[in-house]
Amino acid sequence: MDLNTITTVAHPQTRAQLPAWTAGDAWLAGGTWLFSEPQAHLARLIDLTDLKWPALTISQSHLSIAATCTVAQLDGLACPSDWLAAPLINQCCRAFLASFKIWKTATIGGNLCMSLPAGPMISLTAALDGVCTIWKAGGGEQRIPVAEFVTGNQGNRLTPGDLLRQIDIPVAALKRRTAFRQISLAPVGRSAALLIGSLDADGPLTLTVTASTVRPIQLSFAKPPDAGALRDAIVQQIGDDLYHTDIHGQPLWRKHMTLRLAEEIRGELSAGVPS
């Protein structure tokens, strides 16, 4: 869609060249949502392309994902053989309600900043202990865990002029055993529940609940719980007001699916673990 209220497009090449943020500004990365509907309140786009952030960087301690990394780039990452959680990357990429054309343009940072309950890059990075680095509008940086970055349906911790720079995922998280479950009302519909379980070698299990809830919810257990303990924890820690509602699923159904998929994950990850 043409944005006929835009009068200026800025092309900064360094952080120092980022223009002072004013009302009517918007960051432009992939633009798949930005150009999908009228944006009559906008007058200037600040194009992040010329900052040329490396899409993916692997160090001894972290996988760093630039906010401008595309879904296609992340999906194509060749992961080390000891990253047991590597299948999650492809699974979450395929949880998008999007065509291959969108994959080549849509960015990881854009998915986080939209902060929709069904954002699969939120699911992926939250489940793997991802931490956001935010360039603050007034200078300096702020680091926030992804699980705390998203605060609700299309709500997050960014303030006007803040810029999500990258998401860092610990290599240790990528070496855990994981289990993935996702369900939609339609075969290729938006996720109504997307749950990920991860199990450390020494026993702790973390369950990350997304899509069915308005924000990511994480439940941690010192060791894999039994079915009753898992159900009780979900009922106690996820209040009914946290379940999302829209045309893709009603809250009671999403809650039921959350309980069902969580039990499937518990069973999968508990297999072979001493009680």
C-alpha atoms as a PDB file:
ATOM      1  CA  MET A   1       0.000   0.000   0.000  1.00  0.00           C
ATOM      2  CA  ASP A   2       1.227   3.504  -0.801  1.00  0.00           C
ATOM      3  CA  LEU A   3       1.754   5.636   2.299  1.00  0.00           C
ATOM      4  CA  ASN A   4       0.815   9.003   0.855  1.00  0.00           C
ATOM      5  CA  THR A   5       1.409  10.980   4.062  1.00  0.00           C
ATOM      6  CA  ILE A   6       5.150  10.234   4.102  1.00  0.00           C
ATOM      7  CA  THR A   7       7.224  13.294   3.246  1.00  0.00           C
ATOM      8  CA  THR A   8      10.709  12.081   4.260  1.00  0.00           C
ATOM      9  CA  VAL A   9      12.645   8.821   4.376  1.00  0.00           C
ATOM     10  CA  ALA A  10      15.839   8.962   6.441  1.00  0.00           C
ATOM     11  CA  HIS A  11      18.728   6.560   5.728  1.00  0.00           C
ATOM     12  CA  PRO A  12      21.090   6.588   8.729  1.00  0.00           C
ATOM     13  CA  GLN A  13      24.269   4.529   8.423  1.00  0.00           C
ATOM     14  CA  THR A  14      25.361   4.680  12.076  1.00  0.00           C
ATOM     15  CA  ARG A  15      23.666   5.122  15.443  1.00  0.00           C
ATOM     16  CA  ALA A  16      25.009   8.675  15.597  1.00  0.00           C
ATOM     17  CA  GLN A  17      23.113   9.461  12.401  1.00  0.00           C
ATOM     18  CA  LEU A  18      19.740   8.327  13.733  1.00  0.00           C
ATOM     19  CA  PRO A  19      17.510  11.407  13.652  1.00  0.00           C
ATOM     20  CA  ALA A  20      15.844  12.730  16.768  1.00  0.00           C
ATOM     21  CA  TRP A  21      12.513  10.973  17.169  1.00  0.00           C
ATOM     22  CA  THR A  22       9.406  13.057  16.639  1.00  0.00           C
ATOM     23  CA  ALA A  23       5.680  12.380  16.444  1.00  0.00           C
ATOM     24  CA  GLY A  24       4.862  10.892  13.058  1.00  0.00           C
ATOM     25  CA  ASP A  25       8.056   8.811  12.822  1.00  0.00           C
ATOM     26  CA  ALA A  26       8.284   5.061  12.272  1.00  0.00           C
ATOM     27  CA  TRP A  27      11.183   2.632  11.980  1.00  0.00           C
ATOM     28  CA  LEU A  28      11.281   0.810   8.659  1.00  0.00           C
ATOM     29  CA  ALA A  29      12.850  -2.657   8.498  1.00  0.00           C
ATOM     30  CA  GLY A  30      10.933  -5.285   6.526  1.00  0.00           C
ATOM     31  CA  GLY A  31       7.823  -3.147   6.311  1.00  0.00           C
ATOM     32  CA  THR A  32       5.486  -6.121   5.790  1.00  0.00           C
ATOM     33  CA  TRP A  33       3.019  -4.773   8.333  1.00  0.00           C
ATOM     34  CA  LEU A  34       3.825  -1.085   7.833  1.00  0.00           C
ATOM     35  CA  PHE A  35       2.817  -1.192   4.164  1.00  0.00           C
ATOM     36  CA  SER A  36      -0.163  -3.486   4.715  1.00  0.00           C
ATOM     37  CA  GLU A  37      -2.641  -0.826   5.814  1.00  0.00           C
ATOM     38  CA  PRO A  38      -3.025   2.976   5.911  1.00  0.00           C
ATOM     39  CA  GLN A  39      -0.668   4.814   8.282  1.00  0.00           C
ATOM     40  CA  ALA A  40      -2.184   8.285   8.125  1.00  0.00           C
ATOM     41  CA  HIS A  41      -0.465   9.370  11.342  1.00  0.00           C
ATOM     42  CA  LEU A  42       3.032   8.926   9.854  1.00  0.00           C
ATOM     43  CA  ALA A  43       5.122  11.567   8.096  1.00  0.00           C
ATOM     44  CA  ARG A  44       8.641  10.133   8.192  1.00  0.00           C
ATOM     45  CA  LEU A  45      10.177   6.663   7.865  1.00  0.00           C
ATOM     46  CA  ILE A  46      13.605   5.910   9.290  1.00  0.00           C
ATOM     47  CA  ASP A  47      15.034   3.118   7.134  1.00  0.00           C
ATOM     48  CA  LEU A  48      17.287   0.763   9.105  1.00  0.00           C
ATOM     49  CA  THR A  49      18.672  -1.047   6.049  1.00  0.00           C
ATOM     50  CA  ASP A  50      21.814   1.062   5.693  1.00  0.00           C
ATOM     51  CA  LEU A  51      22.890   0.297   9.253  1.00  0.00           C
ATOM     52  CA  LYS A  52      23.957  -3.059   7.784  1.00  0.00           C
ATOM     53  CA  TRP A  53      23.754  -5.071  10.983  1.00  0.00           C
ATOM     54  CA  PRO A  54      25.041  -8.654  10.514  1.00  0.00           C
ATOM     55  CA  ALA A  55      21.922 -10.814  10.455  1.00  0.00           C
ATOM     56  CA  LEU A  56      23.282 -13.676  12.578  1.00  0.00           C
ATOM     57  CA  THR A  57      26.435 -13.926  14.660  1.00  0.00           C
ATOM     58  CA  ILE A  58      27.527 -17.049  16.545  1.00  0.00           C
ATOM     59  CA  SER A  59      30.008 -16.689  19.394  1.00  0.00           C
ATOM     60  CA  GLN A  60      31.132 -19.154  22.046  1.00  0.00           C
ATOM     61  CA  SER A  61      28.405 -17.939  24.391  1.00  0.00           C
ATOM     62  CA  HIS A  62      25.546 -16.604  22.251  1.00  0.00           C
ATOM     63  CA  LEU A  63      23.643 -16.571  19.007  1.00  0.00           C
ATOM     64  CA  SER A  64      22.990 -12.907  18.236  1.00  0.00           C
ATOM     65  CA  ILE A  65      20.050 -12.152  15.964  1.00  0.00           C
ATOM     66  CA  ALA A  66      19.899  -8.648  14.523  1.00  0.00           C
ATOM     67  CA  ALA A  67      16.484  -7.020  14.667  1.00  0.00           C
ATOM     68  CA  THR A  68      16.729  -6.651  10.869  1.00  0.00           C
ATOM     69  CA  CYS A  69      17.434 -10.364  10.309  1.00  0.00           C
ATOM     70  CA  THR A  70      14.733 -11.823   8.070  1.00  0.00           C
ATOM     71  CA  VAL A  71      12.735 -14.949   8.764  1.00  0.00           C
ATOM     72  CA  ALA A  72      14.334 -16.584   5.709  1.00  0.00           C
ATOM     73  CA  GLN A  73      17.836 -15.823   6.986  1.00  0.00           C
ATOM     74  CA  LEU A  74      17.085 -17.307  10.398  1.00  0.00           C
ATOM     75  CA  ASP A  75      15.397 -20.366   8.894  1.00  0.00           C
ATOM     76  CA  GLY A  76      18.463 -20.979   6.734  1.00  0.00           C
ATOM     77  CA  LEU A  77      20.942 -20.880   9.620  1.00  0.00           C
ATOM     78  CA  ALA A  78      23.300 -23.871   9.652  1.00  0.00           C
ATOM     79  CA  CYS A  79      23.380 -24.805  13.333  1.00  0.00           C
ATOM     80  CA  PRO A  80      26.164 -26.681  15.144  1.00  0.00           C
ATOM     81  CA  SER A  81      25.431 -30.361  15.685  1.00  0.00           C
ATOM     82  CA  ASP A  82      25.246 -30.020  19.477  1.00  0.00           C
ATOM     83  CA  TRP A  83      22.416 -27.486  19.331  1.00  0.00           C
ATOM     84  CA  LEU A  84      19.670 -29.932  20.243  1.00  0.00           C
ATOM     85  CA  ALA A  85      17.123 -27.124  20.159  1.00  0.00           C
ATOM     86  CA  ALA A  86      17.913 -26.211  16.533  1.00  0.00           C
ATOM     87  CA  PRO A  87      14.673 -27.770  15.158  1.00  0.00           C
ATOM     88  CA  LEU A  88      12.742 -25.105  17.068  1.00  0.00           C
ATOM     89  CA  ILE A  89      14.044 -22.472  14.680  1.00  0.00           C
ATOM     90  CA  ASN A  90      12.463 -24.134  11.658  1.00  0.00           C
ATOM     91  CA  GLN A  91       9.315 -25.089  13.568  1.00  0.00           C
ATOM     92  CA  CYS A  92       8.694 -21.527  14.716  1.00  0.00           C
ATOM     93  CA  CYS A  93       9.457 -20.080  11.297  1.00  0.00           C
ATOM     94  CA  ARG A  94       6.805 -22.385   9.858  1.00  0.00           C
ATOM     95  CA  ALA A  95       4.304 -21.245  12.467  1.00  0.00           C
ATOM     96  CA  PHE A  96       4.023 -17.918  10.591  1.00  0.00           C
ATOM     97  CA  LEU A  97       0.803 -17.229   8.748  1.00  0.00           C
ATOM     98  CA  ALA A  98       2.883 -15.957   5.811  1.00  0.00           C
ATOM     99  CA  SER A  99       4.096 -16.788   2.307  1.00  0.00           C
ATOM    100  CA  PHE A 100       7.699 -17.349   1.249  1.00  0.00           C
ATOM    101  CA  LYS A 101       7.699 -13.771  -0.071  1.00  0.00           C
ATOM    102  CA  ILE A 102       6.980 -12.468   3.419  1.00  0.00           C
ATOM    103  CA  TRP A 103       9.716 -14.722   4.839  1.00  0.00           C
ATOM    104  CA  LYS A 104      12.284 -12.935   2.680  1.00  0.00           C
ATOM    105  CA  THR A 105      11.234  -9.505   3.922  1.00  0.00           C
ATOM    106  CA  ALA A 106       9.707  -9.775   7.401  1.00  0.00           C
ATOM    107  CA  THR A 107      12.190  -9.318  10.231  1.00  0.00           C
ATOM    108  CA  ILE A 108      12.657 -10.970  13.598  1.00  0.00           C
ATOM    109  CA  GLY A 109      12.683  -7.598  15.317  1.00  0.00           C
ATOM    110  CA  GLY A 110       9.491  -6.582  13.584  1.00  0.00           C
ATOM    111  CA  ASN A 111       7.724  -9.677  14.864  1.00  0.00           C
ATOM    112  CA  LEU A 112       8.800  -8.932  18.423  1.00  0.00           C
ATOM    113  CA  CYS A 113       7.898  -5.256  18.203  1.00  0.00           C
ATOM    114  CA  MET A 114       4.428  -5.976  16.813  1.00  0.00           C
ATOM    115  CA  SER A 115       3.995  -8.029  19.995  1.00  0.00           C
ATOM    116  CA  LEU A 116       1.049 -10.055  18.773  1.00  0.00           C
ATOM    117  CA  PRO A 117       0.207 -13.083  20.969  1.00  0.00           C
ATOM    118  CA  ALA A 118       0.765 -15.378  17.965  1.00  0.00           C
ATOM    119  CA  GLY A 119       4.178 -13.934  17.054  1.00  0.00           C
ATOM    120  CA  PRO A 120       6.278 -17.097  16.571  1.00  0.00           C
ATOM    121  CA  MET A 121       9.606 -15.289  16.884  1.00  0.00           C
ATOM    122  CA  ILE A 122       8.450 -14.193  20.333  1.00  0.00           C
ATOM    123  CA  SER A 123       7.731 -17.854  21.118  1.00  0.00           C
ATOM    124  CA  LEU A 124      11.136 -18.966  19.859  1.00  0.00           C
ATOM    125  CA  THR A 125      13.290 -16.340  21.520  1.00  0.00           C
ATOM    126  CA  ALA A 126      11.383 -16.368  24.816  1.00  0.00           C
ATOM    127  CA  ALA A 127      11.654 -20.157  25.092  1.00  0.00           C
ATOM    128  CA  LEU A 128      15.413 -19.993  24.470  1.00  0.00           C
ATOM    129  CA  ASP A 129      16.069 -17.347  27.141  1.00  0.00           C
ATOM    130  CA  GLY A 130      16.541 -14.598  24.563  1.00  0.00           C
ATOM    131  CA  VAL A 131      17.484 -11.124  25.769  1.00  0.00           C
ATOM    132  CA  CYS A 132      16.633  -7.948  23.839  1.00  0.00           C
ATOM    133  CA  THR A 133      19.144  -5.130  23.498  1.00  0.00           C
ATOM    134  CA  ILE A 134      17.335  -1.829  23.106  1.00  0.00           C
ATOM    135  CA  TRP A 135      18.933   1.395  21.972  1.00  0.00           C
ATOM    136  CA  LYS A 136      17.237   4.016  24.139  1.00  0.00           C
ATOM    137  CA  ALA A 137      16.008   7.184  22.497  1.00  0.00           C
ATOM    138  CA  GLY A 138      17.948   9.305  24.956  1.00  0.00           C
ATOM    139  CA  GLY A 139      21.162   7.312  24.586  1.00  0.00           C
ATOM    140  CA  GLY A 140      22.512   4.197  26.226  1.00  0.00           C
ATOM    141  CA  GLU A 141      21.199   0.642  26.079  1.00  0.00           C
ATOM    142  CA  GLN A 142      18.724  -1.495  27.974  1.00  0.00           C
ATOM    143  CA  ARG A 143      18.654  -5.286  28.115  1.00  0.00           C
ATOM    144  CA  ILE A 144      15.333  -7.030  28.751  1.00  0.00           C
ATOM    145  CA  PRO A 145      14.486 -10.762  28.564  1.00  0.00           C
ATOM    146  CA  VAL A 146      12.099 -11.446  25.685  1.00  0.00           C
ATOM    147  CA  ALA A 147       9.657 -13.030  28.136  1.00  0.00           C
ATOM    148  CA  GLU A 148       9.429  -9.626  29.880  1.00  0.00           C
ATOM    149  CA  PHE A 149       9.699  -7.461  26.752  1.00  0.00           C
ATOM    150  CA  VAL A 150       6.187  -8.312  25.540  1.00  0.00           C
ATOM    151  CA  THR A 151       3.605  -7.040  28.030  1.00  0.00           C
ATOM    152  CA  GLY A 152       0.320  -7.815  26.253  1.00  0.00           C
ATOM    153  CA  ASN A 153      -1.491  -7.927  22.942  1.00  0.00           C
ATOM    154  CA  GLN A 154       0.502  -5.408  20.844  1.00  0.00           C
ATOM    155  CA  GLY A 155       2.124  -4.077  24.008  1.00  0.00           C
ATOM    156  CA  ASN A 156       5.815  -4.055  24.922  1.00  0.00           C
ATOM    157  CA  ARG A 157       8.480  -2.235  26.924  1.00  0.00           C
ATOM    158  CA  LEU A 158       9.558   0.143  24.150  1.00  0.00           C
ATOM    159  CA  THR A 159       9.053   3.874  24.659  1.00  0.00           C
ATOM    160  CA  PRO A 160       8.845   6.389  21.766  1.00  0.00           C
ATOM    161  CA  GLY A 161      12.128   6.500  19.878  1.00  0.00           C
ATOM    162  CA  ASP A 162      13.510   3.276  21.369  1.00  0.00           C
ATOM    163  CA  LEU A 163      15.007   0.882  18.829  1.00  0.00           C
ATOM    164  CA  LEU A 164      15.336  -2.881  19.201  1.00  0.00           C
ATOM    165  CA  ARG A 165      18.909  -3.650  18.140  1.00  0.00           C
ATOM    166  CA  GLN A 166      19.254  -7.418  18.604  1.00  0.00           C
ATOM    167  CA  ILE A 167      18.226 -10.526  20.488  1.00  0.00           C
ATOM    168  CA  ASP A 168      20.903 -12.662  22.143  1.00  0.00           C
ATOM    169  CA  ILE A 169      20.238 -16.343  22.778  1.00  0.00           C
ATOM    170  CA  PRO A 170      22.601 -18.247  25.100  1.00  0.00           C
ATOM    171  CA  VAL A 171      24.298 -21.218  23.474  1.00  0.00           C
ATOM    172  CA  ALA A 172      23.497 -23.162  26.640  1.00  0.00           C
ATOM    173  CA  ALA A 173      19.772 -22.772  25.883  1.00  0.00           C
ATOM    174  CA  LEU A 174      20.318 -24.062  22.345  1.00  0.00           C
ATOM    175  CA  LYS A 175      21.847 -27.264  23.750  1.00  0.00           C
ATOM    176  CA  ARG A 176      18.718 -28.273  25.676  1.00  0.00           C
ATOM    177  CA  ARG A 177      16.212 -30.901  24.631  1.00  0.00           C
ATOM    178  CA  THR A 178      13.030 -29.238  23.465  1.00  0.00           C
ATOM    179  CA  ALA A 179       9.479 -30.100  22.469  1.00  0.00           C
ATOM    180  CA  PHE A 180       7.178 -27.986  20.293  1.00  0.00           C
ATOM    181  CA  ARG A 181       3.396 -27.960  20.017  1.00  0.00           C
ATOM    182  CA  GLN A 182       1.188 -25.593  18.032  1.00  0.00           C
ATOM    183  CA  ILE A 183      -2.470 -25.575  17.078  1.00  0.00           C
ATOM    184  CA  SER A 184      -4.750 -23.356  14.984  1.00  0.00           C
ATOM    185  CA  LEU A 185      -8.456 -23.378  14.264  1.00  0.00           C
ATOM    186  CA  ALA A 186      -7.680 -23.769  10.545  1.00  0.00           C
ATOM    187  CA  PRO A 187      -4.946 -25.875   8.880  1.00  0.00           C
ATOM    188  CA  VAL A 188      -2.984 -22.756   7.877  1.00  0.00           C
ATOM    189  CA  GLY A 189      -4.494 -20.367  10.413  1.00  0.00           C
ATOM    190  CA  ARG A 190      -2.878 -18.093  12.961  1.00  0.00           C
ATOM    191  CA  SER A 191      -1.580 -19.921  16.035  1.00  0.00           C
ATOM    192  CA  ALA A 192      -4.167 -20.213  18.788  1.00  0.00           C
ATOM    193  CA  ALA A 193      -1.698 -21.888  21.143  1.00  0.00           C
ATOM    194  CA  LEU A 194       2.054 -22.380  20.747  1.00  0.00           C
ATOM    195  CA  LEU A 195       3.906 -24.072  23.581  1.00  0.00           C
ATOM    196  CA  ILE A 196       7.579 -24.961  23.894  1.00  0.00           C
ATOM    197  CA  GLY A 197       9.184 -27.081  26.575  1.00  0.00           C
ATOM    198  CA  SER A 198      12.911 -27.167  27.246  1.00  0.00           C
ATOM    199  CA  LEU A 199      14.781 -29.578  29.477  1.00  0.00           C
ATOM    200  CA  ASP A 200      18.242 -29.012  30.918  1.00  0.00           C
ATOM    201  CA  ALA A 201      20.616 -31.955  31.179  1.00  0.00           C
ATOM    202  CA  ASP A 202      20.529 -31.729  34.985  1.00  0.00           C
ATOM    203  CA  GLY A 203      16.734 -31.865  35.176  1.00  0.00           C
ATOM    204  CA  PRO A 204      15.022 -28.422  35.267  1.00  0.00           C
ATOM    205  CA  LEU A 205      12.126 -28.071  32.821  1.00  0.00           C
ATOM    206  CA  THR A 206      10.738 -24.796  31.518  1.00  0.00           C
ATOM    207  CA  LEU A 207       7.402 -24.496  29.742  1.00  0.00           C
ATOM    208  CA  THR A 208       6.832 -21.376  27.621  1.00  0.00           C
ATOM    209  CA  VAL A 209       3.203 -20.632  26.756  1.00  0.00           C
ATOM    210  CA  THR A 210       2.442 -18.246  23.890  1.00  0.00           C
ATOM    211  CA  ALA A 211      -0.338 -17.488  21.368  1.00  0.00           C
ATOM    212  CA  SER A 212      -3.047 -18.743  23.738  1.00  0.00           C
ATOM    213  CA  THR A 213      -2.047 -16.012  26.195  1.00  0.00           C
ATOM    214  CA  VAL A 214      -1.772 -12.257  25.647  1.00  0.00           C
ATOM    215  CA  ARG A 215       1.916 -12.352  26.606  1.00  0.00           C
ATOM    216  CA  PRO A 216       4.527 -15.081  27.038  1.00  0.00           C
ATOM    217  CA  ILE A 217       4.147 -17.054  30.265  1.00  0.00           C
ATOM    218  CA  GLN A 218       6.953 -19.260  31.564  1.00  0.00           C
ATOM    219  CA  LEU A 219       6.587 -21.994  34.160  1.00  0.00           C
ATOM    220  CA  SER A 220       9.694 -23.567  35.671  1.00  0.00           C
ATOM    221  CA  PHE A 221      10.067 -26.893  37.455  1.00  0.00           C
ATOM    222  CA  ALA A 222      13.124 -28.288  39.236  1.00  0.00           C
ATOM    223  CA  LYS A 223      12.408 -31.583  37.469  1.00  0.00           C
ATOM    224  CA  PRO A 224       9.704 -32.777  35.079  1.00  0.00           C
ATOM    225  CA  PRO A 225       6.430 -32.727  37.058  1.00  0.00           C
ATOM    226  CA  ASP A 226       3.739 -35.357  36.970  1.00  0.00           C
ATOM    227  CA  ALA A 227       0.549 -34.641  35.036  1.00  0.00           C
ATOM    228  CA  GLY A 228      -1.354 -33.356  38.066  1.00  0.00           C
ATOM    229  CA  ALA A 229       1.393 -30.997  39.203  1.00  0.00           C
ATOM    230  CA  LEU A 230       1.735 -29.577  35.697  1.00  0.00           C
ATOM    231  CA  ARG A 231      -2.003 -28.965  35.370  1.00  0.00           C
ATOM    232  CA  ASP A 232      -2.181 -27.352  38.800  1.00  0.00           C
ATOM    233  CA  ALA A 233       0.741 -25.050  37.991  1.00  0.00           C
ATOM    234  CA  ILE A 234      -0.859 -23.885  34.737  1.00  0.00           C
ATOM    235  CA  VAL A 235      -4.246 -23.276  36.375  1.00  0.00           C
ATOM    236  CA  GLN A 236      -2.659 -21.370  39.270  1.00  0.00           C
ATOM    237  CA  GLN A 237      -0.130 -19.317  37.303  1.00  0.00           C
ATOM    238  CA  ILE A 238      -2.173 -18.481  34.203  1.00  0.00           C
ATOM    239  CA  GLY A 239      -5.350 -16.712  35.213  1.00  0.00           C
ATOM    240  CA  ASP A 240      -8.343 -16.796  32.900  1.00  0.00           C
ATOM    241  CA  ASP A 241      -7.845 -13.087  32.165  1.00  0.00           C
ATOM    242  CA  LEU A 242      -4.483 -13.875  30.505  1.00  0.00           C
ATOM    243  CA  TYR A 243      -6.004 -16.030  27.759  1.00  0.00           C
ATOM    244  CA  HIS A 244      -6.358 -14.212  24.455  1.00  0.00           C
ATOM    245  CA  THR A 245      -9.620 -13.918  22.564  1.00  0.00           C
ATOM    246  CA  ASP A 246     -10.218 -13.140  18.888  1.00  0.00           C
ATOM    247  CA  ILE A 247     -11.631 -14.849  15.816  1.00  0.00           C
ATOM    248  CA  HIS A 248      -8.812 -17.393  15.966  1.00  0.00           C
ATOM    249  CA  GLY A 249      -9.986 -18.874  19.266  1.00  0.00           C
ATOM    250  CA  GLN A 250     -12.021 -18.230  22.388  1.00  0.00           C
ATOM    251  CA  PRO A 251     -10.326 -18.139  25.827  1.00  0.00           C
ATOM    252  CA  LEU A 252     -11.845 -21.352  27.229  1.00  0.00           C
ATOM    253  CA  TRP A 253     -10.810 -23.315  24.140  1.00  0.00           C
ATOM    254  CA  ARG A 254      -7.311 -21.799  24.231  1.00  0.00           C
ATOM    255  CA  LYS A 255      -7.023 -22.779  27.896  1.00  0.00           C
ATOM    256  CA  HIS A 256      -8.102 -26.321  27.104  1.00  0.00           C
ATOM    257  CA  MET A 257      -5.552 -26.535  24.267  1.00  0.00           C
ATOM    258  CA  THR A 258      -2.845 -25.118  26.529  1.00  0.00           C
ATOM    259  CA  LEU A 259      -3.456 -27.837  29.098  1.00  0.00           C
ATOM    260  CA  ARG A 260      -3.578 -30.548  26.449  1.00  0.00           C
ATOM    261  CA  LEU A 261      -0.418 -29.453  24.600  1.00  0.00           C
ATOM    262  CA  ALA A 262       1.470 -28.915  27.852  1.00  0.00           C
ATOM    263  CA  GLU A 263       0.751 -32.499  28.875  1.00  0.00           C
ATOM    264  CA  GLU A 264       1.990 -33.742  25.489  1.00  0.00           C
ATOM    265  CA  ILE A 265       5.216 -31.790  25.992  1.00  0.00           C
ATOM    266  CA  ARG A 266       5.601 -33.118  29.529  1.00  0.00           C
ATOM    267  CA  GLY A 267       5.226 -36.669  28.264  1.00  0.00           C
ATOM    268  CA  GLU A 268       7.721 -36.183  25.455  1.00  0.00           C
ATOM    269  CA  LEU A 269      10.411 -34.560  27.598  1.00  0.00           C
ATOM    270  CA  SER A 270       9.879 -36.880  30.572  1.00  0.00           C
ATOM    271  CA  ALA A 271      10.604 -39.964  28.490  1.00  0.00           C
ATOM    272  CA  GLY A 272      13.852 -41.458  29.668  1.00  0.00           C
ATOM    273  CA  VAL A 273      14.233 -39.062  32.609  1.00  0.00           C
ATOM    274  CA  PRO A 274      14.662 -40.813  35.995  1.00  0.00           C
ATOM    275  CA  SER A 275      11.801 -40.051  38.368  1.00  0.00           C
END
